[in-house]
C-alpha atoms as a PDB file:
ATOM      1  CA  UNK A   1       5.447 -31.406 -91.314  1.00  0.00           C
ATOM      2  CA  UNK A   2       8.130 -31.837 -88.619  1.00  0.00           C
ATOM      3  CA  UNK A   3       7.068 -31.213 -85.040  1.00  0.00           C
ATOM      4  CA  UNK A   4       8.878 -28.510 -83.091  1.00  0.00           C
ATOM      5  CA  UNK A   5      10.783 -30.079 -80.145  1.00  0.00           C
ATOM      6  CA  UNK A   6       9.269 -29.355 -76.730  1.00  0.00           C
ATOM      7  CA  UNK A   7      11.099 -26.764 -74.655  1.00  0.00           C
ATOM      8  CA  UNK A   8      10.412 -25.148 -71.309  1.00  0.00           C
ATOM      9  CA  UNK A   9      10.575 -21.617 -72.718  1.00  0.00           C
ATOM     10  CA  UNK A  10       8.080 -22.619 -75.413  1.00  0.00           C
ATOM     11  CA  UNK A  11       5.737 -24.164 -72.844  1.00  0.00           C
ATOM     12  CA  UNK A  12       5.948 -21.056 -70.663  1.00  0.00           C
ATOM     13  CA  UNK A  13       5.394 -18.574 -73.494  1.00  0.00           C
ATOM     14  CA  UNK A  14       1.650 -19.145 -73.695  1.00  0.00           C
ATOM     15  CA  UNK A  15       1.280 -19.117 -69.935  1.00  0.00           C
ATOM     16  CA  UNK A  16       3.034 -15.758 -69.546  1.00  0.00           C
ATOM     17  CA  UNK A  17       1.011 -14.259 -72.415  1.00  0.00           C
ATOM     18  CA  UNK A  18      -2.244 -14.694 -70.473  1.00  0.00           C
ATOM     19  CA  UNK A  19      -3.877 -11.556 -69.014  1.00  0.00           C
ATOM     20  CA  UNK A  20      -3.604 -12.585 -65.375  1.00  0.00           C
ATOM     21  CA  UNK A  21      -2.184 -15.109 -62.895  1.00  0.00           C
ATOM     22  CA  UNK A  22      -4.842 -17.602 -61.792  1.00  0.00           C
ATOM     23  CA  UNK A  23      -4.914 -21.140 -60.401  1.00  0.00           C
ATOM     24  CA  UNK A  24      -4.494 -22.656 -63.865  1.00  0.00           C
ATOM     25  CA  UNK A  25      -1.210 -20.707 -64.172  1.00  0.00           C
ATOM     26  CA  UNK A  26       0.229 -22.585 -61.207  1.00  0.00           C
ATOM     27  CA  UNK A  27      -1.000 -25.953 -62.534  1.00  0.00           C
ATOM     28  CA  UNK A  28       0.523 -25.250 -65.960  1.00  0.00           C
ATOM     29  CA  UNK A  29       3.768 -24.056 -64.405  1.00  0.00           C
ATOM     30  CA  UNK A  30       4.073 -27.205 -62.273  1.00  0.00           C
ATOM     31  CA  UNK A  31       3.490 -29.425 -65.325  1.00  0.00           C
ATOM     32  CA  UNK A  32       6.080 -27.458 -67.345  1.00  0.00           C
ATOM     33  CA  UNK A  33       8.762 -27.677 -64.643  1.00  0.00           C
ATOM     34  CA  UNK A  34       8.193 -31.409 -64.142  1.00  0.00           C
ATOM     35  CA  UNK A  35       8.338 -31.836 -67.922  1.00  0.00           C
ATOM     36  CA  UNK A  36      11.687 -30.035 -67.986  1.00  0.00           C
ATOM     37  CA  UNK A  37      13.102 -32.525 -65.426  1.00  0.00           C
ATOM     38  CA  UNK A  38      13.321 -30.216 -62.425  1.00  0.00           C
ATOM     39  CA  UNK A  39      12.144 -33.148 -60.296  1.00  0.00           C
ATOM     40  CA  UNK A  40       9.230 -33.014 -57.822  1.00  0.00           C
ATOM     41  CA  UNK A  41      11.187 -31.571 -54.868  1.00  0.00           C
ATOM     42  CA  UNK A  42      12.793 -28.655 -56.729  1.00  0.00           C
ATOM     43  CA  UNK A  43       9.515 -27.978 -58.605  1.00  0.00           C
ATOM     44  CA  UNK A  44       7.599 -27.710 -55.335  1.00  0.00           C
ATOM     45  CA  UNK A  45      10.232 -25.421 -53.792  1.00  0.00           C
ATOM     46  CA  UNK A  46      10.301 -23.138 -56.862  1.00  0.00           C
ATOM     47  CA  UNK A  47       6.498 -22.831 -56.968  1.00  0.00           C
ATOM     48  CA  UNK A  48       6.192 -22.232 -53.210  1.00  0.00           C
ATOM     49  CA  UNK A  49       8.793 -19.469 -53.483  1.00  0.00           C
ATOM     50  CA  UNK A  50       6.985 -17.880 -56.457  1.00  0.00           C
ATOM     51  CA  UNK A  51       3.559 -18.025 -54.761  1.00  0.00           C
ATOM     52  CA  UNK A  52       5.041 -16.224 -51.740  1.00  0.00           C
ATOM     53  CA  UNK A  53       6.564 -13.504 -53.946  1.00  0.00           C
ATOM     54  CA  UNK A  54       3.385 -13.021 -55.984  1.00  0.00           C
ATOM     55  CA  UNK A  55       1.471 -12.561 -52.714  1.00  0.00           C
ATOM     56  CA  UNK A  56       4.109 -10.269 -51.202  1.00  0.00           C
ATOM     57  CA  UNK A  57       4.206  -7.957 -54.216  1.00  0.00           C
ATOM     58  CA  UNK A  58       0.453  -8.270 -54.851  1.00  0.00           C
ATOM     59  CA  UNK A  59       0.964  -8.782 -58.578  1.00  0.00           C
ATOM     60  CA  UNK A  60      -1.378 -10.474 -61.037  1.00  0.00           C
ATOM     61  CA  UNK A  61       0.833  -9.842 -64.098  1.00  0.00           C
ATOM     62  CA  UNK A  62       2.249 -13.044 -65.662  1.00  0.00           C
ATOM     63  CA  UNK A  63       5.259 -11.009 -66.900  1.00  0.00           C
ATOM     64  CA  UNK A  64       6.220 -10.405 -63.264  1.00  0.00           C
ATOM     65  CA  UNK A  65       5.938 -14.136 -62.654  1.00  0.00           C
ATOM     66  CA  UNK A  66       8.215 -14.834 -65.633  1.00  0.00           C
ATOM     67  CA  UNK A  67      10.855 -12.407 -64.327  1.00  0.00           C
ATOM     68  CA  UNK A  68      10.651 -13.862 -60.798  1.00  0.00           C
ATOM     69  CA  UNK A  69      11.015 -17.409 -62.150  1.00  0.00           C
ATOM     70  CA  UNK A  70      14.074 -16.439 -64.205  1.00  0.00           C
ATOM     71  CA  UNK A  71      15.676 -14.575 -61.283  1.00  0.00           C
ATOM     72  CA  UNK A  72      14.863 -17.413 -58.858  1.00  0.00           C
ATOM     73  CA  UNK A  73      16.472 -20.043 -61.077  1.00  0.00           C
ATOM     74  CA  UNK A  74      19.540 -17.858 -61.617  1.00  0.00           C
ATOM     75  CA  UNK A  75      19.845 -17.271 -57.871  1.00  0.00           C
ATOM     76  CA  UNK A  76      19.700 -21.011 -57.151  1.00  0.00           C
ATOM     77  CA  UNK A  77      22.234 -21.810 -59.876  1.00  0.00           C
ATOM     78  CA  UNK A  78      24.567 -19.057 -58.634  1.00  0.00           C
ATOM     79  CA  UNK A  79      25.027 -20.734 -55.239  1.00  0.00           C
ATOM     80  CA  UNK A  80      27.710 -22.849 -56.926  1.00  0.00           C
ATOM     81  CA  UNK A  81      30.967 -21.533 -58.400  1.00  0.00           C
ATOM     82  CA  UNK A  82      31.408 -22.770 -62.004  1.00  0.00           C
ATOM     83  CA  UNK A  83      35.014 -21.541 -62.303  1.00  0.00           C
ATOM     84  CA  UNK A  84      37.500 -24.137 -63.555  1.00  0.00           C
ATOM     85  CA  UNK A  85      40.590 -24.257 -61.327  1.00  0.00           C
ATOM     86  CA  UNK A  86      43.397 -24.561 -63.869  1.00  0.00           C
ATOM     87  CA  UNK A  87      46.131 -22.354 -62.394  1.00  0.00           C
ATOM     88  CA  UNK A  88      48.602 -25.142 -61.467  1.00  0.00           C
ATOM     89  CA  UNK A  89      51.349 -25.971 -63.982  1.00  0.00           C
ATOM     90  CA  UNK A  90      50.694 -28.518 -65.132  1.00  0.00           C
ATOM     91  CA  UNK A  91      46.982 -28.395 -64.236  1.00  0.00           C
ATOM     92  CA  UNK A  92      45.865 -32.032 -64.128  1.00  0.00           C
ATOM     93  CA  UNK A  93      42.199 -32.827 -64.826  1.00  0.00           C
ATOM     94  CA  UNK A  94      40.741 -36.310 -64.331  1.00  0.00           C
ATOM     95  CA  UNK A  95      37.587 -37.014 -66.367  1.00  0.00           C
ATOM     96  CA  UNK A  96      35.263 -39.753 -65.093  1.00  0.00           C
ATOM     97  CA  UNK A  97      31.817 -41.091 -65.978  1.00  0.00           C
ATOM     98  CA  UNK A  98      29.977 -44.222 -67.063  1.00  0.00           C
ATOM     99  CA  UNK A  99      30.324 -45.521 -70.616  1.00  0.00           C
ATOM    100  CA  UNK A 100      27.914 -43.964 -73.094  1.00  0.00           C
ATOM    101  CA  UNK A 101      27.665 -40.449 -71.639  1.00  0.00           C
ATOM    102  CA  UNK A 102      29.968 -38.935 -74.265  1.00  0.00           C
ATOM    103  CA  UNK A 103      33.074 -38.887 -72.065  1.00  0.00           C
ATOM    104  CA  UNK A 104      35.629 -39.381 -74.854  1.00  0.00           C
ATOM    105  CA  UNK A 105      34.120 -36.742 -77.158  1.00  0.00           C
ATOM    106  CA  UNK A 106      33.802 -34.379 -74.176  1.00  0.00           C
ATOM    107  CA  UNK A 107      37.537 -34.705 -73.504  1.00  0.00           C
ATOM    108  CA  UNK A 108      38.256 -33.749 -77.127  1.00  0.00           C
ATOM    109  CA  UNK A 109      35.926 -30.751 -76.874  1.00  0.00           C
ATOM    110  CA  UNK A 110      37.426 -29.769 -73.519  1.00  0.00           C
ATOM    111  CA  UNK A 111      40.915 -29.912 -75.036  1.00  0.00           C
ATOM    112  CA  UNK A 112      39.717 -27.598 -77.810  1.00  0.00           C
ATOM    113  CA  UNK A 113      38.028 -25.291 -75.260  1.00  0.00           C
ATOM    114  CA  UNK A 114      41.333 -24.929 -73.382  1.00  0.00           C
ATOM    115  CA  UNK A 115      43.338 -24.552 -76.618  1.00  0.00           C
ATOM    116  CA  UNK A 116      41.070 -21.633 -77.552  1.00  0.00           C
ATOM    117  CA  UNK A 117      42.566 -19.794 -74.571  1.00  0.00           C
ATOM    118  CA  UNK A 118      46.060 -20.381 -75.944  1.00  0.00           C
ATOM    119  CA  UNK A 119      46.974 -23.183 -73.527  1.00  0.00           C
ATOM    120  CA  UNK A 120      48.984 -26.264 -74.494  1.00  0.00           C
ATOM    121  CA  UNK A 121      47.265 -29.588 -73.758  1.00  0.00           C
ATOM    122  CA  UNK A 122      48.198 -33.261 -73.506  1.00  0.00           C
ATOM    123  CA  UNK A 123      45.545 -35.969 -73.204  1.00  0.00           C
ATOM    124  CA  UNK A 124      46.215 -39.300 -71.458  1.00  0.00           C
ATOM    125  CA  UNK A 125      44.317 -42.320 -72.832  1.00  0.00           C
ATOM    126  CA  UNK A 126      44.025 -44.162 -69.516  1.00  0.00           C
ATOM    127  CA  UNK A 127      40.811 -45.989 -70.524  1.00  0.00           C
ATOM    128  CA  UNK A 128      43.083 -48.811 -71.629  1.00  0.00           C
ATOM    129  CA  UNK A 129      40.480 -51.590 -71.608  1.00  0.00           C
ATOM    130  CA  UNK A 130      38.763 -50.411 -74.784  1.00  0.00           C
ATOM    131  CA  UNK A 131      41.031 -50.109 -77.815  1.00  0.00           C
ATOM    132  CA  UNK A 132      38.267 -48.217 -79.625  1.00  0.00           C
ATOM    133  CA  UNK A 133      38.256 -45.590 -76.854  1.00  0.00           C
ATOM    134  CA  UNK A 134      41.973 -44.951 -77.363  1.00  0.00           C
ATOM    135  CA  UNK A 135      41.563 -44.533 -81.134  1.00  0.00           C
ATOM    136  CA  UNK A 136      38.507 -42.303 -80.723  1.00  0.00           C
ATOM    137  CA  UNK A 137      40.342 -40.151 -78.178  1.00  0.00           C
ATOM    138  CA  UNK A 138      43.358 -39.863 -80.493  1.00  0.00           C
ATOM    139  CA  UNK A 139      41.102 -38.588 -83.298  1.00  0.00           C
ATOM    140  CA  UNK A 140      39.505 -35.959 -81.059  1.00  0.00           C
ATOM    141  CA  UNK A 141      42.869 -34.897 -79.600  1.00  0.00           C
ATOM    142  CA  UNK A 142      44.250 -34.372 -83.104  1.00  0.00           C
ATOM    143  CA  UNK A 143      41.208 -32.288 -84.072  1.00  0.00           C
ATOM    144  CA  UNK A 144      41.664 -30.210 -80.916  1.00  0.00           C
ATOM    145  CA  UNK A 145      45.362 -29.615 -81.566  1.00  0.00           C
ATOM    146  CA  UNK A 146      46.351 -31.511 -78.409  1.00  0.00           C
ATOM    147  CA  UNK A 147      49.120 -34.050 -77.803  1.00  0.00           C
ATOM    148  CA  UNK A 148      48.166 -37.575 -76.699  1.00  0.00           C
ATOM    149  CA  UNK A 149      49.846 -40.285 -74.639  1.00  0.00           C
ATOM    150  CA  UNK A 150      48.584 -43.738 -75.643  1.00  0.00           C
ATOM    151  CA  UNK A 151      48.991 -47.067 -73.828  1.00  0.00           C
ATOM    152  CA  UNK A 152      52.208 -48.792 -74.916  1.00  0.00           C
ATOM    153  CA  UNK A 153      50.363 -52.122 -75.086  1.00  0.00           C
ATOM    154  CA  UNK A 154      46.706 -53.291 -74.817  1.00  0.00           C
ATOM    155  CA  UNK A 155      45.445 -53.431 -71.239  1.00  0.00           C
ATOM    156  CA  UNK A 156      48.332 -51.377 -69.842  1.00  0.00           C
ATOM    157  CA  UNK A 157      47.746 -50.307 -66.256  1.00  0.00           C
ATOM    158  CA  UNK A 158      45.706 -47.056 -66.445  1.00  0.00           C
ATOM    159  CA  UNK A 159      47.737 -45.504 -63.620  1.00  0.00           C
ATOM    160  CA  UNK A 160      50.980 -45.965 -65.562  1.00  0.00           C
ATOM    161  CA  UNK A 161      49.466 -44.203 -68.608  1.00  0.00           C
ATOM    162  CA  UNK A 162      48.385 -41.346 -66.331  1.00  0.00           C
ATOM    163  CA  UNK A 163      51.898 -41.220 -64.848  1.00  0.00           C
ATOM    164  CA  UNK A 164      53.507 -41.080 -68.311  1.00  0.00           C
ATOM    165  CA  UNK A 165      51.117 -38.298 -69.374  1.00  0.00           C
ATOM    166  CA  UNK A 166      51.964 -36.046 -66.431  1.00  0.00           C
ATOM    167  CA  UNK A 167      55.653 -36.908 -66.856  1.00  0.00           C
ATOM    168  CA  UNK A 168      55.497 -35.758 -70.492  1.00  0.00           C
ATOM    169  CA  UNK A 169      53.703 -32.529 -69.539  1.00  0.00           C
ATOM    170  CA  UNK A 170      56.399 -31.684 -66.998  1.00  0.00           C
ATOM    171  CA  UNK A 171      59.213 -32.606 -69.383  1.00  0.00           C
ATOM    172  CA  UNK A 172      57.815 -30.577 -72.305  1.00  0.00           C
ATOM    173  CA  UNK A 173      56.275 -27.706 -70.332  1.00  0.00           C
ATOM    174  CA  UNK A 174      52.704 -28.555 -71.392  1.00  0.00           C
ATOM    175  CA  UNK A 175      50.220 -26.525 -69.337  1.00  0.00           C
ATOM    176  CA  UNK A 176      47.073 -28.672 -69.109  1.00  0.00           C
ATOM    177  CA  UNK A 177      46.804 -32.462 -68.662  1.00  0.00           C
ATOM    178  CA  UNK A 178      43.467 -34.207 -69.279  1.00  0.00           C
ATOM    179  CA  UNK A 179      43.258 -37.864 -68.217  1.00  0.00           C
ATOM    180  CA  UNK A 180      40.547 -40.175 -69.581  1.00  0.00           C
ATOM    181  CA  UNK A 181      39.567 -42.949 -67.156  1.00  0.00           C
ATOM    182  CA  UNK A 182      37.651 -46.192 -67.598  1.00  0.00           C
ATOM    183  CA  UNK A 183      33.874 -45.823 -67.530  1.00  0.00           C
ATOM    184  CA  UNK A 184      32.999 -49.396 -66.686  1.00  0.00           C
ATOM    185  CA  UNK A 185      30.128 -49.779 -64.228  1.00  0.00           C
ATOM    186  CA  UNK A 186      31.826 -51.932 -61.678  1.00  0.00           C
ATOM    187  CA  UNK A 187      31.770 -52.416 -57.915  1.00  0.00           C
ATOM    188  CA  UNK A 188      32.440 -49.337 -55.849  1.00  0.00           C
ATOM    189  CA  UNK A 189      35.445 -51.126 -54.377  1.00  0.00           C
ATOM    190  CA  UNK A 190      36.931 -51.765 -57.837  1.00  0.00           C
ATOM    191  CA  UNK A 191      36.234 -48.211 -58.916  1.00  0.00           C
ATOM    192  CA  UNK A 192      37.782 -46.830 -55.741  1.00  0.00           C
ATOM    193  CA  UNK A 193      40.880 -48.989 -56.173  1.00  0.00           C
ATOM    194  CA  UNK A 194      41.447 -47.961 -59.795  1.00  0.00           C
ATOM    195  CA  UNK A 195      40.778 -44.237 -59.348  1.00  0.00           C
ATOM    196  CA  UNK A 196      42.693 -44.236 -56.076  1.00  0.00           C
ATOM    197  CA  UNK A 197      45.735 -45.722 -57.775  1.00  0.00           C
ATOM    198  CA  UNK A 198      45.538 -43.182 -60.627  1.00  0.00           C
ATOM    199  CA  UNK A 199      45.307 -40.334 -58.121  1.00  0.00           C
ATOM    200  CA  UNK A 200      48.265 -41.597 -56.081  1.00  0.00           C
ATOM    201  CA  UNK A 201      50.646 -41.915 -59.041  1.00  0.00           C
ATOM    202  CA  UNK A 202      49.642 -38.488 -60.390  1.00  0.00           C
ATOM    203  CA  UNK A 203      49.939 -36.758 -57.013  1.00  0.00           C
ATOM    204  CA  UNK A 204      53.544 -37.975 -56.695  1.00  0.00           C
ATOM    205  CA  UNK A 205      54.277 -35.613 -59.598  1.00  0.00           C
ATOM    206  CA  UNK A 206      51.646 -32.862 -59.470  1.00  0.00           C
ATOM    207  CA  UNK A 207      48.448 -31.928 -57.599  1.00  0.00           C
ATOM    208  CA  UNK A 208      45.121 -32.801 -59.251  1.00  0.00           C
ATOM    209  CA  UNK A 209      43.352 -29.578 -60.198  1.00  0.00           C
ATOM    210  CA  UNK A 210      39.902 -30.925 -61.101  1.00  0.00           C
ATOM    211  CA  UNK A 211      37.983 -34.210 -61.170  1.00  0.00           C
ATOM    212  CA  UNK A 212      35.107 -33.742 -63.613  1.00  0.00           C
ATOM    213  CA  UNK A 213      32.136 -36.118 -63.796  1.00  0.00           C
ATOM    214  CA  UNK A 214      30.464 -36.292 -67.212  1.00  0.00           C
ATOM    215  CA  UNK A 215      26.673 -36.727 -67.138  1.00  0.00           C
ATOM    216  CA  UNK A 216      24.271 -37.184 -70.061  1.00  0.00           C
ATOM    217  CA  UNK A 217      21.544 -34.553 -69.541  1.00  0.00           C
ATOM    218  CA  UNK A 218      19.015 -36.543 -71.586  1.00  0.00           C
ATOM    219  CA  UNK A 219      19.034 -39.415 -69.081  1.00  0.00           C
ATOM    220  CA  UNK A 220      18.102 -37.093 -66.223  1.00  0.00           C
ATOM    221  CA  UNK A 221      17.723 -38.658 -62.798  1.00  0.00           C
ATOM    222  CA  UNK A 222      18.667 -42.120 -64.146  1.00  0.00           C
ATOM    223  CA  UNK A 223      22.049 -40.807 -65.226  1.00  0.00           C
ATOM    224  CA  UNK A 224      22.628 -39.384 -61.803  1.00  0.00           C
ATOM    225  CA  UNK A 225      21.783 -42.717 -60.172  1.00  0.00           C
ATOM    226  CA  UNK A 226      24.339 -44.431 -62.448  1.00  0.00           C
ATOM    227  CA  UNK A 227      26.975 -41.900 -61.470  1.00  0.00           C
ATOM    228  CA  UNK A 228      26.447 -42.274 -57.714  1.00  0.00           C
ATOM    229  CA  UNK A 229      29.464 -44.596 -57.371  1.00  0.00           C
ATOM    230  CA  UNK A 230      31.720 -41.952 -58.923  1.00  0.00           C
ATOM    231  CA  UNK A 231      30.220 -39.249 -56.714  1.00  0.00           C
ATOM    232  CA  UNK A 232      30.936 -41.369 -53.670  1.00  0.00           C
ATOM    233  CA  UNK A 233      34.510 -42.414 -54.382  1.00  0.00           C
ATOM    234  CA  UNK A 234      36.122 -40.184 -57.009  1.00  0.00           C
ATOM    235  CA  UNK A 235      36.493 -36.854 -55.173  1.00  0.00           C
ATOM    236  CA  UNK A 236      34.484 -35.026 -57.847  1.00  0.00           C
ATOM    237  CA  UNK A 237      35.079 -31.253 -58.019  1.00  0.00           C
ATOM    238  CA  UNK A 238      32.637 -30.387 -60.813  1.00  0.00           C
ATOM    239  CA  UNK A 239      30.151 -31.667 -63.389  1.00  0.00           C
ATOM    240  CA  UNK A 240      30.064 -31.612 -67.182  1.00  0.00           C
ATOM    241  CA  UNK A 241      26.617 -31.965 -68.778  1.00  0.00           C
ATOM    242  CA  UNK A 242      26.524 -33.365 -72.306  1.00  0.00           C
ATOM    243  CA  UNK A 243      23.658 -33.460 -74.835  1.00  0.00           C
ATOM    244  CA  UNK A 244      21.992 -30.417 -73.305  1.00  0.00           C
ATOM    245  CA  UNK A 245      20.358 -29.490 -76.612  1.00  0.00           C
ATOM    246  CA  UNK A 246      17.687 -26.831 -76.157  1.00  0.00           C
ATOM    247  CA  UNK A 247      15.866 -26.585 -72.842  1.00  0.00           C
ATOM    248  CA  UNK A 248      13.764 -29.756 -72.963  1.00  0.00           C
ATOM    249  CA  UNK A 249      15.597 -31.201 -69.942  1.00  0.00           C
ATOM    250  CA  UNK A 250      17.147 -27.997 -68.652  1.00  0.00           C
ATOM    251  CA  UNK A 251      15.706 -28.395 -65.169  1.00  0.00           C
ATOM    252  CA  UNK A 252      18.099 -31.286 -64.641  1.00  0.00           C
ATOM    253  CA  UNK A 253      20.868 -28.686 -64.419  1.00  0.00           C
ATOM    254  CA  UNK A 254      19.352 -27.201 -61.288  1.00  0.00           C
ATOM    255  CA  UNK A 255      18.295 -30.542 -59.824  1.00  0.00           C
ATOM    256  CA  UNK A 256      21.724 -32.140 -60.284  1.00  0.00           C
ATOM    257  CA  UNK A 257      23.592 -29.260 -58.632  1.00  0.00           C
ATOM    258  CA  UNK A 258      21.278 -29.275 -55.636  1.00  0.00           C
ATOM    259  CA  UNK A 259      21.353 -33.050 -55.225  1.00  0.00           C
ATOM    260  CA  UNK A 260      25.128 -33.413 -55.518  1.00  0.00           C
ATOM    261  CA  UNK A 261      26.231 -30.100 -54.032  1.00  0.00           C
ATOM    262  CA  UNK A 262      28.634 -29.799 -56.965  1.00  0.00           C
ATOM    263  CA  UNK A 263      28.922 -27.011 -59.543  1.00  0.00           C
ATOM    264  CA  UNK A 264      28.329 -27.521 -63.254  1.00  0.00           C
ATOM    265  CA  UNK A 265      31.518 -26.262 -64.892  1.00  0.00           C
ATOM    266  CA  UNK A 266      30.982 -27.122 -68.565  1.00  0.00           C
ATOM    267  CA  UNK A 267      28.010 -27.829 -70.830  1.00  0.00           C
ATOM    268  CA  UNK A 268      27.943 -29.532 -74.218  1.00  0.00           C
ATOM    269  CA  UNK A 269      25.144 -28.481 -76.527  1.00  0.00           C
ATOM    270  CA  UNK A 270      25.966 -30.099 -79.872  1.00  0.00           C
ATOM    271  CA  UNK A 271      28.151 -32.523 -81.799  1.00  0.00           C
ATOM    272  CA  UNK A 272      30.831 -30.153 -83.160  1.00  0.00           C
ATOM    273  CA  UNK A 273      34.228 -29.795 -81.470  1.00  0.00           C
ATOM    274  CA  UNK A 274      33.425 -26.195 -80.482  1.00  0.00           C
ATOM    275  CA  UNK A 275      30.131 -27.127 -78.793  1.00  0.00           C
ATOM    276  CA  UNK A 276      31.419 -27.183 -75.216  1.00  0.00           C
ATOM    277  CA  UNK A 277      31.232 -23.981 -73.195  1.00  0.00           C
ATOM    278  CA  UNK A 278      31.680 -22.755 -69.665  1.00  0.00           C
ATOM    279  CA  UNK A 279      28.527 -22.642 -67.551  1.00  0.00           C
ATOM    280  CA  UNK A 280      27.014 -19.197 -66.867  1.00  0.00           C
ATOM    281  CA  UNK A 281      23.938 -19.173 -64.554  1.00  0.00           C
ATOM    282  CA  UNK A 282      22.566 -15.872 -65.912  1.00  0.00           C
ATOM    283  CA  UNK A 283      22.709 -16.963 -69.561  1.00  0.00           C
ATOM    284  CA  UNK A 284      21.346 -20.404 -68.755  1.00  0.00           C
ATOM    285  CA  UNK A 285      18.373 -19.059 -66.771  1.00  0.00           C
ATOM    286  CA  UNK A 286      17.625 -16.568 -69.563  1.00  0.00           C
ATOM    287  CA  UNK A 287      17.632 -19.316 -72.209  1.00  0.00           C
ATOM    288  CA  UNK A 288      15.607 -21.673 -70.044  1.00  0.00           C
ATOM    289  CA  UNK A 289      12.767 -19.320 -69.110  1.00  0.00           C
ATOM    290  CA  UNK A 290      12.865 -16.851 -72.011  1.00  0.00           C
END
């Protein structure tokens, strides 16, 4: 018989069904939050806040604790504005992230997400060092109903592909431009040079609306450590979390926003092209805590 995957809401269900709040409740809650990848600092802050509220309101009802936890998580998530800034025409979005996080598939899903709102989209395949990445991106763009600008030859300068993509958008009146960038883990200096050059050539034609960093939610804190170079040099405006299936690692959402100071703008929760959605703190907190 297949085992049911662990989830935070599942772990909390039994705890909140108990008749009263006692010391074992706090121990179980701490273990559940750590298990859901909140990280030790955020876990401690959440529990300290809840203990203070339980004392202030003199409650012993676990249902009150559940509501306070849900409201507390929503409040913390709501400190950041998840709105995508796509009002420029064309609105140019740079997508960055290390290889293996699902960056290429995320761009395809993002193109579909935007197309669902009736916007026209062109994708620029500026990860020119991997021929497979260009082909994969072309497949996803076609599925999304988006145009694509490919490199004219292998190893073409990524900045020139980005330039040609924005040029095409302006020429054809395409509303949204999504630029894929190389995900090689390289020196910060090399990364800064490449992204800096891409930014400069784009900004000669149009302002950059968003720079989105793609993170794999299943890698948790390790993924964030890998992405530190991008956070430092790429002028990130928002985060996209991929592979956020269920709530097993949902605490990473809260931890990553608080550590980076950046809003989560999109979340991917499956493999299908429609499985990328905007981030809503209320819905997320509800799903996470139950």
